[in-house]
């Protein structure tokens, strides 16, 4: 059975002069039509450094892209973030005009 769902899993372990830690994330995306796409990304990061006290975080992001004809597009973004010292949500919307390169 083909779902059209694209998944992407990332795992990174890092150690450098400014800090060390681990990063894991899972991304799911699906094009519902030729001009409308949804993407979700969630993950967890640990970070050990003397430069910050924000040493862990959990996050979820969602993006919706819609091509409105051959020149215009709309995009909506939502982000949810919870960490050891920062907690926030944010969203943005964009209505744009594409000057060249995309033709239908």
N, C-alpha and C. Protein backbone atom coordinates (compact mmCIF):
# COMPACT_ATOMS: atom_id res chain seq x y z
N UNK A 1 0.84 -1.18 0.00
CA UNK A 1 0.00 0.00 0.00
C UNK A 1 0.89 1.25 0.00
N UNK A 2 0.67 2.14 -0.93
CA UNK A 2 1.45 3.37 -1.03
C UNK A 2 0.67 4.51 -0.39
N UNK A 3 1.31 5.19 0.58
CA UNK A 3 0.63 6.26 1.31
C UNK A 3 1.02 7.65 0.82
N UNK A 4 2.15 7.77 0.14
CA UNK A 4 2.64 9.07 -0.27
C UNK A 4 3.29 9.85 0.86
N UNK A 5 3.46 9.21 2.01
CA UNK A 5 4.04 9.84 3.18
C UNK A 5 5.56 9.69 3.13
N UNK A 6 6.26 10.79 3.34
CA UNK A 6 7.72 10.77 3.38
C UNK A 6 8.17 10.93 4.82
N UNK A 7 9.07 10.06 5.26
CA UNK A 7 9.60 10.13 6.63
C UNK A 7 11.10 10.34 6.58
N UNK A 8 11.60 11.00 7.60
CA UNK A 8 13.03 11.27 7.70
C UNK A 8 13.40 11.22 9.18
N UNK A 9 14.33 10.38 9.53
CA UNK A 9 14.76 10.22 10.92
C UNK A 9 16.22 10.64 11.01
N UNK A 10 16.53 11.49 12.01
CA UNK A 10 17.90 11.97 12.21
C UNK A 10 18.36 11.67 13.63
N UNK A 11 19.61 11.26 13.74
CA UNK A 11 20.26 11.10 15.03
C UNK A 11 21.68 11.64 14.89
N UNK A 12 22.06 12.53 15.78
CA UNK A 12 23.40 13.10 15.75
C UNK A 12 23.95 13.15 17.17
N UNK A 13 25.18 12.74 17.31
CA UNK A 13 25.90 12.88 18.57
C UNK A 13 27.10 13.77 18.26
N UNK A 14 27.29 14.83 19.06
CA UNK A 14 28.37 15.76 18.76
C UNK A 14 29.17 16.08 20.01
N UNK A 15 30.43 16.40 19.78
CA UNK A 15 31.35 16.76 20.87
C UNK A 15 32.37 17.73 20.28
N UNK A 16 32.38 18.95 20.79
CA UNK A 16 33.29 19.96 20.26
C UNK A 16 33.80 20.83 21.40
N UNK A 17 34.56 21.85 21.06
CA UNK A 17 35.15 22.73 22.07
C UNK A 17 34.10 23.58 22.77
N UNK A 18 32.95 23.83 22.15
CA UNK A 18 31.93 24.65 22.79
C UNK A 18 30.84 23.85 23.48
N UNK A 19 30.77 22.54 23.25
CA UNK A 19 29.76 21.73 23.92
C UNK A 19 29.61 20.36 23.31
N UNK A 20 28.76 19.56 23.95
CA UNK A 20 28.50 18.20 23.47
C UNK A 20 27.03 17.89 23.68
N UNK A 21 26.55 16.88 22.98
CA UNK A 21 25.16 16.50 23.15
C UNK A 21 24.67 15.54 22.09
N UNK A 22 23.34 15.39 22.06
CA UNK A 22 22.68 14.49 21.10
C UNK A 22 21.44 15.19 20.55
N UNK A 23 21.11 14.87 19.31
CA UNK A 23 19.96 15.43 18.63
C UNK A 23 19.23 14.31 17.91
N UNK A 24 17.93 14.17 18.14
CA UNK A 24 17.12 13.20 17.40
C UNK A 24 15.87 13.92 16.90
N UNK A 25 15.45 13.57 15.70
CA UNK A 25 14.23 14.17 15.14
C UNK A 25 13.58 13.21 14.16
N UNK A 26 12.28 13.40 14.00
CA UNK A 26 11.48 12.63 13.05
C UNK A 26 10.64 13.62 12.26
N UNK A 27 10.69 13.51 10.95
CA UNK A 27 9.92 14.38 10.07
C UNK A 27 8.96 13.53 9.25
N UNK A 28 7.73 14.01 9.13
CA UNK A 28 6.72 13.38 8.28
C UNK A 28 6.17 14.44 7.34
N UNK A 29 6.11 14.15 6.06
CA UNK A 29 5.54 15.10 5.11
C UNK A 29 4.71 14.37 4.08
N UNK A 30 3.71 15.09 3.57
CA UNK A 30 2.82 14.51 2.58
C UNK A 30 2.29 15.61 1.68
N UNK A 31 2.33 15.37 0.39
CA UNK A 31 1.70 16.26 -0.58
C UNK A 31 0.27 15.77 -0.76
N UNK A 32 -0.68 16.57 -0.33
CA UNK A 32 -2.08 16.17 -0.45
C UNK A 32 -2.60 16.38 -1.86
N UNK A 33 -2.11 17.41 -2.54
CA UNK A 33 -2.39 17.64 -3.96
C UNK A 33 -1.07 18.09 -4.59
N UNK A 34 -1.11 18.41 -5.88
CA UNK A 34 0.10 18.92 -6.55
C UNK A 34 0.53 20.27 -6.00
N UNK A 35 -0.39 20.98 -5.36
CA UNK A 35 -0.05 22.33 -4.91
C UNK A 35 -0.15 22.52 -3.39
N UNK A 36 -0.45 21.47 -2.62
CA UNK A 36 -0.60 21.61 -1.18
C UNK A 36 0.18 20.52 -0.45
N UNK A 37 1.07 20.94 0.48
CA UNK A 37 1.93 20.00 1.19
C UNK A 37 1.92 20.32 2.68
N UNK A 38 1.94 19.28 3.51
CA UNK A 38 2.04 19.39 4.96
C UNK A 38 3.30 18.72 5.44
N UNK A 39 3.93 19.30 6.47
CA UNK A 39 5.12 18.68 7.06
C UNK A 39 5.10 18.87 8.57
N UNK A 40 5.45 17.82 9.30
CA UNK A 40 5.57 17.85 10.75
C UNK A 40 6.96 17.38 11.13
N UNK A 41 7.57 18.06 12.10
CA UNK A 41 8.90 17.71 12.57
C UNK A 41 8.88 17.76 14.09
N UNK A 42 9.34 16.71 14.73
CA UNK A 42 9.43 16.67 16.18
C UNK A 42 10.75 16.10 16.60
N UNK A 43 11.21 16.50 17.78
CA UNK A 43 12.49 15.97 18.20
C UNK A 43 12.87 16.36 19.62
N UNK A 44 14.07 15.93 19.97
CA UNK A 44 14.63 16.15 21.30
C UNK A 44 16.12 16.42 21.14
N UNK A 45 16.62 17.36 21.95
CA UNK A 45 18.05 17.67 21.92
C UNK A 45 18.57 17.82 23.34
N UNK A 46 19.74 17.26 23.60
CA UNK A 46 20.46 17.52 24.85
C UNK A 46 21.75 18.25 24.48
N UNK A 47 22.12 19.20 25.32
CA UNK A 47 23.28 20.03 25.02
C UNK A 47 23.98 20.38 26.33
N UNK A 48 25.23 20.02 26.43
CA UNK A 48 26.03 20.29 27.62
C UNK A 48 27.11 21.29 27.26
N UNK A 49 27.06 22.48 27.90
CA UNK A 49 28.02 23.52 27.59
C UNK A 49 28.10 24.51 28.75
N UNK A 50 29.26 25.10 28.92
CA UNK A 50 29.40 26.17 29.92
C UNK A 50 28.85 27.49 29.38
N UNK A 51 28.50 27.56 28.09
CA UNK A 51 28.01 28.79 27.48
C UNK A 51 26.52 29.03 27.67
N UNK A 52 25.77 28.01 28.09
CA UNK A 52 24.33 28.16 28.24
C UNK A 52 23.81 27.24 29.33
N UNK A 53 22.68 27.62 29.92
CA UNK A 53 22.02 26.72 30.87
C UNK A 53 20.82 26.03 30.25
N UNK A 54 20.58 26.26 28.97
CA UNK A 54 19.50 25.58 28.25
C UNK A 54 20.05 24.26 27.72
N UNK A 55 20.00 23.20 28.56
CA UNK A 55 20.71 21.97 28.19
C UNK A 55 19.83 20.85 27.67
N UNK A 56 18.53 21.06 27.53
CA UNK A 56 17.70 20.08 26.83
C UNK A 56 16.51 20.79 26.22
N UNK A 57 15.93 20.20 25.19
CA UNK A 57 14.75 20.78 24.57
C UNK A 57 13.96 19.70 23.83
N UNK A 58 12.66 19.89 23.80
CA UNK A 58 11.73 19.11 23.00
C UNK A 58 11.03 20.09 22.06
N UNK A 59 10.80 19.70 20.82
CA UNK A 59 10.21 20.63 19.87
C UNK A 59 9.31 19.91 18.87
N UNK A 60 8.32 20.65 18.40
CA UNK A 60 7.42 20.19 17.34
C UNK A 60 7.19 21.38 16.42
N UNK A 61 7.34 21.17 15.13
CA UNK A 61 7.08 22.21 14.13
C UNK A 61 6.14 21.65 13.08
N UNK A 62 5.26 22.51 12.55
CA UNK A 62 4.35 22.14 11.48
C UNK A 62 4.40 23.22 10.40
N UNK A 63 4.39 22.78 9.14
CA UNK A 63 4.43 23.70 8.00
C UNK A 63 3.39 23.27 7.00
N UNK A 64 2.64 24.24 6.46
CA UNK A 64 1.71 23.99 5.36
C UNK A 64 2.10 24.91 4.21
N UNK A 65 2.31 24.34 3.02
CA UNK A 65 2.66 25.09 1.81
C UNK A 65 1.55 24.94 0.78
N UNK A 66 1.15 26.04 0.18
CA UNK A 66 0.10 26.00 -0.83
C UNK A 66 0.48 26.91 -1.99
N UNK A 67 0.65 26.34 -3.18
CA UNK A 67 0.87 27.12 -4.39
C UNK A 67 -0.48 27.57 -4.91
N UNK A 68 -0.73 28.88 -4.90
CA UNK A 68 -2.00 29.44 -5.33
C UNK A 68 -1.81 29.92 -6.76
N UNK A 69 -1.93 29.02 -7.70
CA UNK A 69 -1.68 29.37 -9.09
C UNK A 69 -0.20 29.32 -9.41
N UNK A 70 0.18 29.78 -10.60
CA UNK A 70 1.58 29.66 -11.02
C UNK A 70 2.52 30.68 -10.38
N UNK A 71 2.03 31.75 -9.76
CA UNK A 71 2.91 32.80 -9.24
C UNK A 71 2.80 33.06 -7.74
N UNK A 72 1.65 32.80 -7.13
CA UNK A 72 1.45 33.12 -5.71
C UNK A 72 1.56 31.87 -4.85
N UNK A 73 1.94 32.08 -3.59
CA UNK A 73 2.00 30.96 -2.65
C UNK A 73 1.65 31.47 -1.26
N UNK A 74 1.20 30.54 -0.43
CA UNK A 74 0.94 30.81 0.98
C UNK A 74 1.66 29.75 1.79
N UNK A 75 2.14 30.16 2.96
CA UNK A 75 2.82 29.22 3.86
C UNK A 75 2.45 29.57 5.29
N UNK A 76 2.15 28.57 6.07
CA UNK A 76 1.89 28.74 7.49
C UNK A 76 2.84 27.88 8.29
N UNK A 77 3.39 28.43 9.38
CA UNK A 77 4.34 27.72 10.23
C UNK A 77 3.90 27.83 11.68
N UNK A 78 4.03 26.74 12.41
CA UNK A 78 3.78 26.75 13.84
C UNK A 78 4.92 26.01 14.53
N UNK A 79 5.42 26.56 15.62
CA UNK A 79 6.49 25.92 16.38
C UNK A 79 6.16 25.87 17.85
N UNK A 80 6.45 24.75 18.47
CA UNK A 80 6.26 24.53 19.91
C UNK A 80 7.59 24.07 20.47
N UNK A 81 8.06 24.74 21.53
CA UNK A 81 9.39 24.47 22.07
C UNK A 81 9.32 24.45 23.59
N UNK A 82 9.88 23.41 24.19
CA UNK A 82 9.98 23.30 25.64
C UNK A 82 11.38 22.86 25.99
N UNK A 83 12.05 23.66 26.83
CA UNK A 83 13.41 23.35 27.21
C UNK A 83 13.64 23.60 28.68
N UNK A 84 14.88 23.45 29.08
CA UNK A 84 15.21 23.62 30.49
C UNK A 84 15.15 25.09 30.91
N UNK A 85 15.35 26.03 30.00
CA UNK A 85 15.25 27.44 30.37
C UNK A 85 14.39 28.27 29.42
N UNK A 86 14.00 27.73 28.27
CA UNK A 86 13.15 28.47 27.33
C UNK A 86 11.93 27.64 26.98
N UNK A 87 10.76 28.26 27.02
CA UNK A 87 9.50 27.61 26.64
C UNK A 87 8.69 28.62 25.83
N UNK A 88 8.31 28.25 24.61
CA UNK A 88 7.54 29.19 23.80
C UNK A 88 6.82 28.46 22.67
N UNK A 89 5.85 29.19 22.10
CA UNK A 89 5.20 28.80 20.86
C UNK A 89 5.34 29.98 19.92
N UNK A 90 5.41 29.70 18.64
CA UNK A 90 5.44 30.78 17.66
C UNK A 90 4.75 30.33 16.38
N UNK A 91 4.22 31.29 15.64
CA UNK A 91 3.62 30.98 14.35
C UNK A 91 3.87 32.12 13.38
N UNK A 92 3.82 31.81 12.12
CA UNK A 92 3.96 32.82 11.08
C UNK A 92 3.16 32.40 9.86
N UNK A 93 2.74 33.39 9.11
CA UNK A 93 2.08 33.16 7.83
C UNK A 93 2.74 34.04 6.78
N UNK A 94 2.81 33.52 5.57
CA UNK A 94 3.44 34.23 4.47
C UNK A 94 2.53 34.14 3.26
N UNK A 95 2.32 35.27 2.60
CA UNK A 95 1.68 35.29 1.29
C UNK A 95 2.71 35.89 0.35
N UNK A 96 3.09 35.16 -0.68
CA UNK A 96 4.20 35.61 -1.51
C UNK A 96 3.92 35.55 -2.99
N UNK A 97 4.75 36.23 -3.74
CA UNK A 97 4.73 36.25 -5.19
C UNK A 97 6.04 35.70 -5.70
N UNK A 98 5.96 34.73 -6.60
CA UNK A 98 7.14 34.09 -7.17
C UNK A 98 7.49 34.79 -8.49
N UNK A 99 8.67 35.42 -8.59
CA UNK A 99 9.05 36.20 -9.76
C UNK A 99 9.41 35.35 -10.96
N UNK A 100 9.92 34.16 -10.79
CA UNK A 100 10.29 33.37 -11.95
C UNK A 100 10.61 31.94 -11.54
N UNK A 101 10.73 31.07 -12.54
CA UNK A 101 11.16 29.71 -12.32
C UNK A 101 10.06 28.69 -12.20
N UNK A 102 8.89 29.05 -11.75
CA UNK A 102 7.80 28.08 -11.60
C UNK A 102 6.74 28.36 -12.64
N UNK A 103 6.47 27.37 -13.47
CA UNK A 103 5.46 27.55 -14.53
C UNK A 103 4.54 26.32 -14.54
N UNK A 104 3.26 26.56 -14.72
CA UNK A 104 2.30 25.47 -14.90
C UNK A 104 1.40 25.75 -16.05
